Every structure is written in C-alpha cells, then in structure tokens.
Amino acid sequence: GGEPFIVKNSKKFGSEMRNCAYYVANGVELKISTRFFSKKGSIYF
C-alpha cells in the first residue's frame, strides 16, 4: 500500500518496515540493531 522507498545511506528503520519486501545493491546486506534504552529494535542496510 505504499510507494517504493529508496535507501541512500545507513539510516535505521523500525517497525514501519514489518512485512515489506526489499532488494539491495551489490555488496549491501540488511542488519539488525538495538536502540538505546528502548524495547524497539531497528534494521539498517
């Protein structure tokens, strides 16, 4: 239900990315990260 989102840097994303599909450039991978004093996690490319 949304427009494609282009990732240009190592910005972190949260739960808004649940159930989304993605494709990556050569040499890029999706990783996880914790947030300081938060129950919410994040991902980044």
All heavy atoms as atom14 arrays in JSON, in Angstrom:
{
  "sequence": "GGEPFIVKNSKKFGSEMRNCAYYVANGVELKISTRFFSKKGSIYF",
  "atom14_mask": [
    [1, 1, 1, 1, 0, 0, 0, 0, 0, 0, 0, 0, 0, 0],
    [1, 1, 1, 1, 0, 0, 0, 0, 0, 0, 0, 0, 0, 0],
    [1, 1, 1, 1, 1, 1, 1, 1, 1, 0, 0, 0, 0, 0],
    [1, 1, 1, 1, 1, 1, 1, 0, 0, 0, 0, 0, 0, 0],
    [1, 1, 1, 1, 1, 1, 1, 1, 1, 1, 1, 0, 0, 0],
    [1, 1, 1, 1, 1, 1, 1, 1, 0, 0, 0, 0, 0, 0],
    [1, 1, 1, 1, 1, 1, 1, 0, 0, 0, 0, 0, 0, 0],
    [1, 1, 1, 1, 1, 1, 1, 1, 1, 0, 0, 0, 0, 0],
    [1, 1, 1, 1, 1, 1, 1, 1, 0, 0, 0, 0, 0, 0],
    [1, 1, 1, 1, 1, 1, 0, 0, 0, 0, 0, 0, 0, 0],
    [1, 1, 1, 1, 1, 1, 1, 1, 1, 0, 0, 0, 0, 0],
    [1, 1, 1, 1, 1, 1, 1, 1, 1, 0, 0, 0, 0, 0],
    [1, 1, 1, 1, 1, 1, 1, 1, 1, 1, 1, 0, 0, 0],
    [1, 1, 1, 1, 0, 0, 0, 0, 0, 0, 0, 0, 0, 0],
    [1, 1, 1, 1, 1, 1, 0, 0, 0, 0, 0, 0, 0, 0],
    [1, 1, 1, 1, 1, 1, 1, 1, 1, 0, 0, 0, 0, 0],
    [1, 1, 1, 1, 1, 1, 1, 1, 0, 0, 0, 0, 0, 0],
    [1, 1, 1, 1, 1, 1, 1, 1, 1, 1, 1, 0, 0, 0],
    [1, 1, 1, 1, 1, 1, 1, 1, 0, 0, 0, 0, 0, 0],
    [1, 1, 1, 1, 1, 1, 0, 0, 0, 0, 0, 0, 0, 0],
    [1, 1, 1, 1, 1, 0, 0, 0, 0, 0, 0, 0, 0, 0],
    [1, 1, 1, 1, 1, 1, 1, 1, 1, 1, 1, 1, 0, 0],
    [1, 1, 1, 1, 1, 1, 1, 1, 1, 1, 1, 1, 0, 0],
    [1, 1, 1, 1, 1, 1, 1, 0, 0, 0, 0, 0, 0, 0],
    [1, 1, 1, 1, 1, 0, 0, 0, 0, 0, 0, 0, 0, 0],
    [1, 1, 1, 1, 1, 1, 1, 1, 0, 0, 0, 0, 0, 0],
    [1, 1, 1, 1, 0, 0, 0, 0, 0, 0, 0, 0, 0, 0],
    [1, 1, 1, 1, 1, 1, 1, 0, 0, 0, 0, 0, 0, 0],
    [1, 1, 1, 1, 1, 1, 1, 1, 1, 0, 0, 0, 0, 0],
    [1, 1, 1, 1, 1, 1, 1, 1, 0, 0, 0, 0, 0, 0],
    [1, 1, 1, 1, 1, 1, 1, 1, 1, 0, 0, 0, 0, 0],
    [1, 1, 1, 1, 1, 1, 1, 1, 0, 0, 0, 0, 0, 0],
    [1, 1, 1, 1, 1, 1, 0, 0, 0, 0, 0, 0, 0, 0],
    [1, 1, 1, 1, 1, 1, 1, 0, 0, 0, 0, 0, 0, 0],
    [1, 1, 1, 1, 1, 1, 1, 1, 1, 1, 1, 0, 0, 0],
    [1, 1, 1, 1, 1, 1, 1, 1, 1, 1, 1, 0, 0, 0],
    [1, 1, 1, 1, 1, 1, 1, 1, 1, 1, 1, 0, 0, 0],
    [1, 1, 1, 1, 1, 1, 0, 0, 0, 0, 0, 0, 0, 0],
    [1, 1, 1, 1, 1, 1, 1, 1, 1, 0, 0, 0, 0, 0],
    [1, 1, 1, 1, 1, 1, 1, 1, 1, 0, 0, 0, 0, 0],
    [1, 1, 1, 1, 0, 0, 0, 0, 0, 0, 0, 0, 0, 0],
    [1, 1, 1, 1, 1, 1, 0, 0, 0, 0, 0, 0, 0, 0],
    [1, 1, 1, 1, 1, 1, 1, 1, 0, 0, 0, 0, 0, 0],
    [1, 1, 1, 1, 1, 1, 1, 1, 1, 1, 1, 1, 0, 0],
    [1, 1, 1, 1, 1, 1, 1, 1, 1, 1, 1, 0, 0, 0]
  ],
  "atom14_positions": [
    [[0.77, -1.23, 0.0], [0.0, 0.0, 0.0], [0.81, 1.28, 0.0], [0.26, 2.37, 0.15], [0.0, 0.0, 0.0], [0.0, 0.0, 0.0], [0.0, 0.0, 0.0], [0.0, 0.0, 0.0], [0.0, 0.0, 0.0], [0.0, 0.0, 0.0], [0.0, 0.0, 0.0], [0.0, 0.0, 0.0], [0.0, 0.0, 0.0], [0.0, 0.0, 0.0]],
    [[2.11, 1.19, -0.15], [2.95, 2.39, -0.11], [3.8, 2.54, -1.36], [3.9, 1.63, -2.18], [0.0, 0.0, 0.0], [0.0, 0.0, 0.0], [0.0, 0.0, 0.0], [0.0, 0.0, 0.0], [0.0, 0.0, 0.0], [0.0, 0.0, 0.0], [0.0, 0.0, 0.0], [0.0, 0.0, 0.0], [0.0, 0.0, 0.0], [0.0, 0.0, 0.0]],
    [[4.39, 3.68, -1.48], [5.31, 3.95, -2.58], [6.66, 3.28, -2.3], [7.04, 3.13, -1.13], [5.52, 5.46, -2.72], [4.28, 6.23, -3.12], [3.86, 5.94, -4.54], [4.74, 5.86, -5.42], [2.65, 5.79, -4.77], [0.0, 0.0, 0.0], [0.0, 0.0, 0.0], [0.0, 0.0, 0.0], [0.0, 0.0, 0.0], [0.0, 0.0, 0.0]],
    [[7.4, 2.91, -3.33], [8.76, 2.38, -3.09], [9.61, 3.41, -2.36], [9.49, 4.61, -2.61], [9.29, 2.13, -4.5], [8.08, 2.01, -5.35], [7.05, 2.91, -4.73], [0.0, 0.0, 0.0], [0.0, 0.0, 0.0], [0.0, 0.0, 0.0], [0.0, 0.0, 0.0], [0.0, 0.0, 0.0], [0.0, 0.0, 0.0], [0.0, 0.0, 0.0]],
    [[10.43, 2.92, -1.43], [11.29, 3.8, -0.64], [12.74, 3.51, -1.01], [13.17, 2.37, -0.95], [11.05, 3.58, 0.85], [11.85, 4.5, 1.72], [11.46, 5.81, 1.91], [13.02, 4.06, 2.31], [12.2, 6.66, 2.7], [13.77, 4.9, 3.11], [13.36, 6.21, 3.3], [0.0, 0.0, 0.0], [0.0, 0.0, 0.0], [0.0, 0.0, 0.0]],
    [[13.48, 4.54, -1.37], [14.87, 4.38, -1.75], [15.77, 4.68, -0.56], [15.65, 5.73, 0.07], [15.22, 5.31, -2.93], [14.4, 4.9, -4.16], [16.71, 5.27, -3.24], [14.51, 5.82, -5.33], [0.0, 0.0, 0.0], [0.0, 0.0, 0.0], [0.0, 0.0, 0.0], [0.0, 0.0, 0.0], [0.0, 0.0, 0.0], [0.0, 0.0, 0.0]],
    [[16.67, 3.74, -0.25], [17.6, 3.89, 0.87], [18.94, 4.35, 0.3], [19.56, 3.63, -0.48], [17.77, 2.57, 1.64], [18.74, 2.75, 2.8], [16.43, 2.05, 2.12], [0.0, 0.0, 0.0], [0.0, 0.0, 0.0], [0.0, 0.0, 0.0], [0.0, 0.0, 0.0], [0.0, 0.0, 0.0], [0.0, 0.0, 0.0], [0.0, 0.0, 0.0]],
    [[19.39, 5.53, 0.73], [20.64, 6.09, 0.21], [21.79, 6.05, 1.2], [22.92, 6.34, 0.84], [20.42, 7.54, -0.23], [19.44, 7.66, -1.37], [19.27, 9.11, -1.78], [18.29, 9.22, -2.93], [18.11, 10.6, -3.36], [0.0, 0.0, 0.0], [0.0, 0.0, 0.0], [0.0, 0.0, 0.0], [0.0, 0.0, 0.0], [0.0, 0.0, 0.0]],
    [[21.52, 5.73, 2.45], [22.57, 5.73, 3.47], [22.3, 4.64, 4.51], [21.45, 3.79, 4.29], [22.68, 7.12, 4.12], [21.35, 7.57, 4.7], [20.53, 6.77, 5.13], [21.13, 8.87, 4.69], [0.0, 0.0, 0.0], [0.0, 0.0, 0.0], [0.0, 0.0, 0.0], [0.0, 0.0, 0.0], [0.0, 0.0, 0.0], [0.0, 0.0, 0.0]],
    [[22.96, 4.71, 5.64], [22.79, 3.67, 6.66], [21.74, 4.06, 7.7], [21.81, 3.64, 8.85], [24.12, 3.38, 7.34], [24.6, 4.55, 7.97], [0.0, 0.0, 0.0], [0.0, 0.0, 0.0], [0.0, 0.0, 0.0], [0.0, 0.0, 0.0], [0.0, 0.0, 0.0], [0.0, 0.0, 0.0], [0.0, 0.0, 0.0], [0.0, 0.0, 0.0]],
    [[20.74, 4.84, 7.31], [19.65, 5.22, 8.21], [19.0, 3.97, 8.8], [18.84, 2.96, 8.12], [18.61, 6.03, 7.44], [17.4, 6.38, 8.27], [16.35, 7.11, 7.45], [15.12, 7.32, 8.33], [13.99, 7.8, 7.58], [0.0, 0.0, 0.0], [0.0, 0.0, 0.0], [0.0, 0.0, 0.0], [0.0, 0.0, 0.0], [0.0, 0.0, 0.0]],
    [[18.61, 4.04, 10.06], [17.96, 2.92, 10.72], [16.44, 3.05, 10.59], [15.89, 4.14, 10.64], [18.37, 2.85, 12.18], [19.83, 2.51, 12.33], [20.23, 2.35, 13.77], [21.7, 1.97, 13.83], [22.15, 1.73, 15.18], [0.0, 0.0, 0.0], [0.0, 0.0, 0.0], [0.0, 0.0, 0.0], [0.0, 0.0, 0.0], [0.0, 0.0, 0.0]],
    [[15.79, 1.9, 10.42], [14.34, 1.83, 10.3], [13.78, 0.94, 11.39], [14.47, 0.06, 11.89], [13.94, 1.25, 8.93], [14.47, 2.04, 7.78], [15.67, 1.69, 7.17], [13.79, 3.14, 7.32], [16.16, 2.41, 6.1], [14.28, 3.88, 6.25], [15.47, 3.51, 5.65], [0.0, 0.0, 0.0], [0.0, 0.0, 0.0], [0.0, 0.0, 0.0]],
    [[12.52, 1.14, 11.72], [11.89, 0.35, 12.77], [10.72, -0.46, 12.26], [10.72, -0.96, 11.14], [0.0, 0.0, 0.0], [0.0, 0.0, 0.0], [0.0, 0.0, 0.0], [0.0, 0.0, 0.0], [0.0, 0.0, 0.0], [0.0, 0.0, 0.0], [0.0, 0.0, 0.0], [0.0, 0.0, 0.0], [0.0, 0.0, 0.0], [0.0, 0.0, 0.0]],
    [[9.71, -0.56, 13.11], [8.57, -1.43, 12.85], [7.78, -1.07, 11.6], [7.02, -1.88, 11.09], [7.64, -1.45, 14.07], [7.16, -0.15, 14.34], [0.0, 0.0, 0.0], [0.0, 0.0, 0.0], [0.0, 0.0, 0.0], [0.0, 0.0, 0.0], [0.0, 0.0, 0.0], [0.0, 0.0, 0.0], [0.0, 0.0, 0.0], [0.0, 0.0, 0.0]],
    [[7.97, 0.15, 11.08], [7.27, 0.53, 9.85], [7.69, -0.35, 8.67], [7.04, -0.37, 7.63], [7.5, 2.01, 9.52], [8.92, 2.36, 9.11], [9.89, 2.65, 10.26], [9.55, 2.38, 11.43], [10.98, 3.14, 9.97], [0.0, 0.0, 0.0], [0.0, 0.0, 0.0], [0.0, 0.0, 0.0], [0.0, 0.0, 0.0], [0.0, 0.0, 0.0]],
    [[8.77, -1.1, 8.83], [9.27, -1.97, 7.75], [8.79, -3.41, 7.88], [9.15, -4.24, 7.06], [10.8, -1.95, 7.71], [11.36, -0.6, 7.37], [10.81, -0.08, 5.74], [10.8, 1.68, 5.94], [0.0, 0.0, 0.0], [0.0, 0.0, 0.0], [0.0, 0.0, 0.0], [0.0, 0.0, 0.0], [0.0, 0.0, 0.0], [0.0, 0.0, 0.0]],
    [[7.97, -3.7, 8.87], [7.45, -5.06, 9.01], [6.68, -5.45, 7.75], [5.92, -4.65, 7.21], [6.52, -5.17, 10.21], [7.2, -5.21, 11.53], [6.22, -5.61, 12.63], [6.59, -5.17, 13.95], [7.62, -5.58, 14.65], [8.46, -6.44, 14.14], [7.85, -5.12, 15.86], [0.0, 0.0, 0.0], [0.0, 0.0, 0.0], [0.0, 0.0, 0.0]],
    [[6.87, -6.68, 7.32], [6.15, -7.26, 6.18], [6.41, -6.56, 4.85], [5.6, -6.63, 3.95], [4.64, -7.3, 6.47], [4.34, -8.07, 7.73], [4.91, -9.13, 7.96], [3.48, -7.53, 8.56], [0.0, 0.0, 0.0], [0.0, 0.0, 0.0], [0.0, 0.0, 0.0], [0.0, 0.0, 0.0], [0.0, 0.0, 0.0], [0.0, 0.0, 0.0]],
    [[7.53, -5.89, 4.74], [7.91, -5.25, 3.48], [8.88, -6.15, 2.72], [9.54, -7.0, 3.3], [8.57, -3.9, 3.75], [7.47, -2.68, 4.5], [0.0, 0.0, 0.0], [0.0, 0.0, 0.0], [0.0, 0.0, 0.0], [0.0, 0.0, 0.0], [0.0, 0.0, 0.0], [0.0, 0.0, 0.0], [0.0, 0.0, 0.0], [0.0, 0.0, 0.0]],
    [[8.97, -5.91, 1.44], [9.95, -6.6, 0.59], [11.06, -5.6, 0.27], [10.85, -4.38, 0.36], [9.3, -7.1, -0.68], [0.0, 0.0, 0.0], [0.0, 0.0, 0.0], [0.0, 0.0, 0.0], [0.0, 0.0, 0.0], [0.0, 0.0, 0.0], [0.0, 0.0, 0.0], [0.0, 0.0, 0.0], [0.0, 0.0, 0.0], [0.0, 0.0, 0.0]],
    [[12.22, -6.1, -0.07], [13.32, -5.21, -0.39], [14.27, -5.88, -1.38], [14.3, -7.1, -1.5], [14.09, -4.8, 0.87], [14.82, -5.94, 1.54], [16.16, -6.18, 1.27], [14.17, -6.8, 2.42], [16.83, -7.23, 1.87], [14.83, -7.85, 3.02], [16.15, -8.06, 2.75], [16.82, -9.11, 3.33], [0.0, 0.0, 0.0], [0.0, 0.0, 0.0]],
    [[15.01, -5.07, -2.1], [16.14, -5.57, -2.87], [17.3, -4.61, -2.66], [17.1, -3.44, -2.34], [15.83, -5.84, -4.34], [15.09, -4.8, -5.11], [15.77, -3.83, -5.82], [13.7, -4.82, -5.18], [15.09, -2.89, -6.58], [13.02, -3.89, -5.93], [13.71, -2.92, -6.62], [13.03, -2.0, -7.36], [0.0, 0.0, 0.0], [0.0, 0.0, 0.0]],
    [[18.5, -5.15, -2.77], [19.69, -4.39, -2.38], [20.7, -4.32, -3.53], [20.7, -5.14, -4.43], [20.38, -5.01, -1.15], [19.49, -4.94, 0.07], [20.81, -6.44, -1.4], [0.0, 0.0, 0.0], [0.0, 0.0, 0.0], [0.0, 0.0, 0.0], [0.0, 0.0, 0.0], [0.0, 0.0, 0.0], [0.0, 0.0, 0.0], [0.0, 0.0, 0.0]],
    [[21.58, -3.33, -3.42], [22.68, -3.18, -4.35], [23.73, -4.25, -4.07], [23.73, -4.88, -3.01], [23.31, -1.8, -4.2], [0.0, 0.0, 0.0], [0.0, 0.0, 0.0], [0.0, 0.0, 0.0], [0.0, 0.0, 0.0], [0.0, 0.0, 0.0], [0.0, 0.0, 0.0], [0.0, 0.0, 0.0], [0.0, 0.0, 0.0], [0.0, 0.0, 0.0]],
    [[24.62, -4.45, -5.01], [25.73, -5.39, -4.8], [26.54, -4.94, -3.59], [26.85, -3.76, -3.44], [26.64, -5.42, -6.02], [25.92, -5.94, -7.25], [25.05, -6.79, -7.15], [26.27, -5.41, -8.4], [0.0, 0.0, 0.0], [0.0, 0.0, 0.0], [0.0, 0.0, 0.0], [0.0, 0.0, 0.0], [0.0, 0.0, 0.0], [0.0, 0.0, 0.0]],
    [[26.87, -5.87, -2.72], [27.71, -5.56, -1.57], [26.99, -4.95, -0.39], [27.61, -4.41, 0.52], [0.0, 0.0, 0.0], [0.0, 0.0, 0.0], [0.0, 0.0, 0.0], [0.0, 0.0, 0.0], [0.0, 0.0, 0.0], [0.0, 0.0, 0.0], [0.0, 0.0, 0.0], [0.0, 0.0, 0.0], [0.0, 0.0, 0.0], [0.0, 0.0, 0.0]],
    [[25.67, -5.02, -0.36], [24.87, -4.45, 0.74], [24.06, -5.57, 1.37], [23.57, -6.47, 0.69], [23.93, -3.34, 0.23], [23.01, -2.84, 1.33], [24.73, -2.19, -0.36], [0.0, 0.0, 0.0], [0.0, 0.0, 0.0], [0.0, 0.0, 0.0], [0.0, 0.0, 0.0], [0.0, 0.0, 0.0], [0.0, 0.0, 0.0], [0.0, 0.0, 0.0]],
    [[23.93, -5.53, 2.7], [23.1, -6.51, 3.38], [22.28, -5.84, 4.48], [22.65, -4.78, 4.98], [23.94, -7.65, 3.96], [24.84, -7.26, 5.1], [25.65, -8.44, 5.63], [25.25, -9.59, 5.42], [26.67, -8.19, 6.25], [0.0, 0.0, 0.0], [0.0, 0.0, 0.0], [0.0, 0.0, 0.0], [0.0, 0.0, 0.0], [0.0, 0.0, 0.0]],
    [[21.19, -6.48, 4.83], [20.3, -5.98, 5.87], [20.79, -6.5, 7.22], [21.05, -7.69, 7.38], [18.87, -6.46, 5.6], [17.77, -5.95, 6.49], [17.69, -4.43, 6.45], [16.44, -6.54, 6.06], [0.0, 0.0, 0.0], [0.0, 0.0, 0.0], [0.0, 0.0, 0.0], [0.0, 0.0, 0.0], [0.0, 0.0, 0.0], [0.0, 0.0, 0.0]],
    [[20.93, -5.59, 8.19], [21.39, -5.97, 9.53], [20.44, -5.44, 10.58], [19.64, -4.54, 10.32], [22.79, -5.42, 9.79], [23.85, -6.06, 8.92], [25.23, -5.67, 9.37], [26.28, -6.41, 8.55], [27.62, -6.09, 9.0], [0.0, 0.0, 0.0], [0.0, 0.0, 0.0], [0.0, 0.0, 0.0], [0.0, 0.0, 0.0], [0.0, 0.0, 0.0]],
    [[20.55, -6.0, 11.79], [19.7, -5.55, 12.89], [20.51, -4.73, 13.89], [21.73, -4.84, 13.96], [19.02, -6.73, 13.61], [20.05, -7.67, 14.24], [18.1, -7.48, 12.67], [19.45, -8.77, 15.1], [0.0, 0.0, 0.0], [0.0, 0.0, 0.0], [0.0, 0.0, 0.0], [0.0, 0.0, 0.0], [0.0, 0.0, 0.0], [0.0, 0.0, 0.0]],
    [[19.78, -3.93, 14.66], [20.41, -3.08, 15.66], [19.45, -2.87, 16.82], [18.23, -2.91, 16.64], [20.78, -1.73, 15.03], [21.33, -0.87, 15.98], [0.0, 0.0, 0.0], [0.0, 0.0, 0.0], [0.0, 0.0, 0.0], [0.0, 0.0, 0.0], [0.0, 0.0, 0.0], [0.0, 0.0, 0.0], [0.0, 0.0, 0.0], [0.0, 0.0, 0.0]],
    [[20.0, -2.64, 17.99], [19.18, -2.3, 19.14], [19.1, -0.78, 19.27], [19.89, -0.05, 18.68], [19.76, -2.88, 20.43], [21.08, -2.38, 20.62], [19.81, -4.39, 20.38], [0.0, 0.0, 0.0], [0.0, 0.0, 0.0], [0.0, 0.0, 0.0], [0.0, 0.0, 0.0], [0.0, 0.0, 0.0], [0.0, 0.0, 0.0], [0.0, 0.0, 0.0]],
    [[18.14, -0.33, 20.05], [18.01, 1.1, 20.33], [18.3, 1.32, 21.81], [17.92, 0.52, 22.65], [16.62, 1.61, 19.99], [16.34, 1.54, 18.5], [15.02, 2.17, 18.17], [14.77, 2.03, 16.73], [13.72, 2.5, 16.13], [12.81, 3.16, 16.8], [13.56, 2.33, 14.84], [0.0, 0.0, 0.0], [0.0, 0.0, 0.0], [0.0, 0.0, 0.0]],
    [[18.95, 2.4, 22.11], [19.37, 2.71, 23.47], [18.16, 2.91, 24.38], [17.29, 3.72, 24.1], [20.24, 3.97, 23.46], [20.87, 4.28, 24.78], [21.87, 3.48, 25.29], [20.45, 5.36, 25.53], [22.46, 3.76, 26.5], [21.02, 5.65, 26.75], [22.04, 4.85, 27.24], [0.0, 0.0, 0.0], [0.0, 0.0, 0.0], [0.0, 0.0, 0.0]],
    [[18.09, 2.13, 25.46], [17.01, 2.18, 26.45], [15.63, 2.15, 25.8], [14.76, 2.96, 26.11], [17.15, 3.41, 27.36], [17.95, 3.12, 28.6], [19.26, 3.52, 28.69], [17.4, 2.43, 29.65], [20.02, 3.23, 29.81], [18.14, 2.14, 30.78], [19.45, 2.55, 30.87], [0.0, 0.0, 0.0], [0.0, 0.0, 0.0], [0.0, 0.0, 0.0]],
    [[15.42, 1.2, 24.88], [14.14, 1.06, 24.2], [13.86, -0.42, 23.97], [14.77, -1.21, 23.79], [14.17, 1.79, 22.86], [12.98, 1.54, 22.14], [0.0, 0.0, 0.0], [0.0, 0.0, 0.0], [0.0, 0.0, 0.0], [0.0, 0.0, 0.0], [0.0, 0.0, 0.0], [0.0, 0.0, 0.0], [0.0, 0.0, 0.0], [0.0, 0.0, 0.0]],
    [[12.57, -0.77, 23.95], [12.16, -2.13, 23.61], [12.12, -2.33, 22.11], [12.03, -3.43, 21.62], [10.76, -2.4, 24.17], [10.67, -2.43, 25.66], [9.23, -2.69, 26.08], [9.09, -2.66, 27.57], [7.7, -2.9, 27.99], [0.0, 0.0, 0.0], [0.0, 0.0, 0.0], [0.0, 0.0, 0.0], [0.0, 0.0, 0.0], [0.0, 0.0, 0.0]],
    [[12.15, -1.25, 21.36], [12.04, -1.31, 19.91], [13.39, -1.57, 19.26], [14.39, -0.98, 19.64], [11.47, 0.0, 19.36], [10.11, 0.36, 19.92], [9.08, -0.63, 19.44], [7.7, -0.26, 19.96], [6.7, -1.21, 19.57], [0.0, 0.0, 0.0], [0.0, 0.0, 0.0], [0.0, 0.0, 0.0], [0.0, 0.0, 0.0], [0.0, 0.0, 0.0]],
    [[13.4, -2.43, 18.27], [14.61, -2.71, 17.53], [14.63, -1.94, 16.23], [13.67, -1.24, 15.89], [0.0, 0.0, 0.0], [0.0, 0.0, 0.0], [0.0, 0.0, 0.0], [0.0, 0.0, 0.0], [0.0, 0.0, 0.0], [0.0, 0.0, 0.0], [0.0, 0.0, 0.0], [0.0, 0.0, 0.0], [0.0, 0.0, 0.0], [0.0, 0.0, 0.0]],
    [[15.71, -2.07, 15.49], [15.79, -1.41, 14.2], [16.62, -2.24, 13.24], [17.32, -3.17, 13.63], [16.36, 0.0, 14.34], [17.64, -0.04, 14.92], [0.0, 0.0, 0.0], [0.0, 0.0, 0.0], [0.0, 0.0, 0.0], [0.0, 0.0, 0.0], [0.0, 0.0, 0.0], [0.0, 0.0, 0.0], [0.0, 0.0, 0.0], [0.0, 0.0, 0.0]],
    [[16.49, -1.89, 11.98], [17.25, -2.53, 10.9], [17.96, -1.44, 10.11], [17.57, -0.28, 10.15], [16.35, -3.36, 9.97], [15.27, -2.45, 9.37], [15.73, -4.53, 10.71], [14.62, -3.0, 8.15], [0.0, 0.0, 0.0], [0.0, 0.0, 0.0], [0.0, 0.0, 0.0], [0.0, 0.0, 0.0], [0.0, 0.0, 0.0], [0.0, 0.0, 0.0]],
    [[19.02, -1.84, 9.39], [19.69, -0.9, 8.51], [20.4, -1.68, 7.41], [20.65, -2.88, 7.55], [20.66, 0.01, 9.27], [21.82, -0.72, 9.92], [23.06, -0.75, 9.31], [21.67, -1.38, 11.13], [24.12, -1.42, 9.88], [22.72, -2.05, 11.72], [23.94, -2.06, 11.1], [24.99, -2.73, 11.67], [0.0, 0.0, 0.0], [0.0, 0.0, 0.0]],
    [[20.69, -0.97, 6.32], [21.37, -1.59, 5.18], [22.84, -1.22, 5.26], [23.21, -0.07, 5.19], [20.74, -1.11, 3.87], [19.35, -1.63, 3.7], [18.25, -0.93, 4.19], [19.12, -2.86, 3.09], [16.97, -1.43, 4.04], [17.84, -3.35, 2.94], [16.75, -2.64, 3.43], [0.0, 0.0, 0.0], [0.0, 0.0, 0.0], [0.0, 0.0, 0.0]]
  ]
}
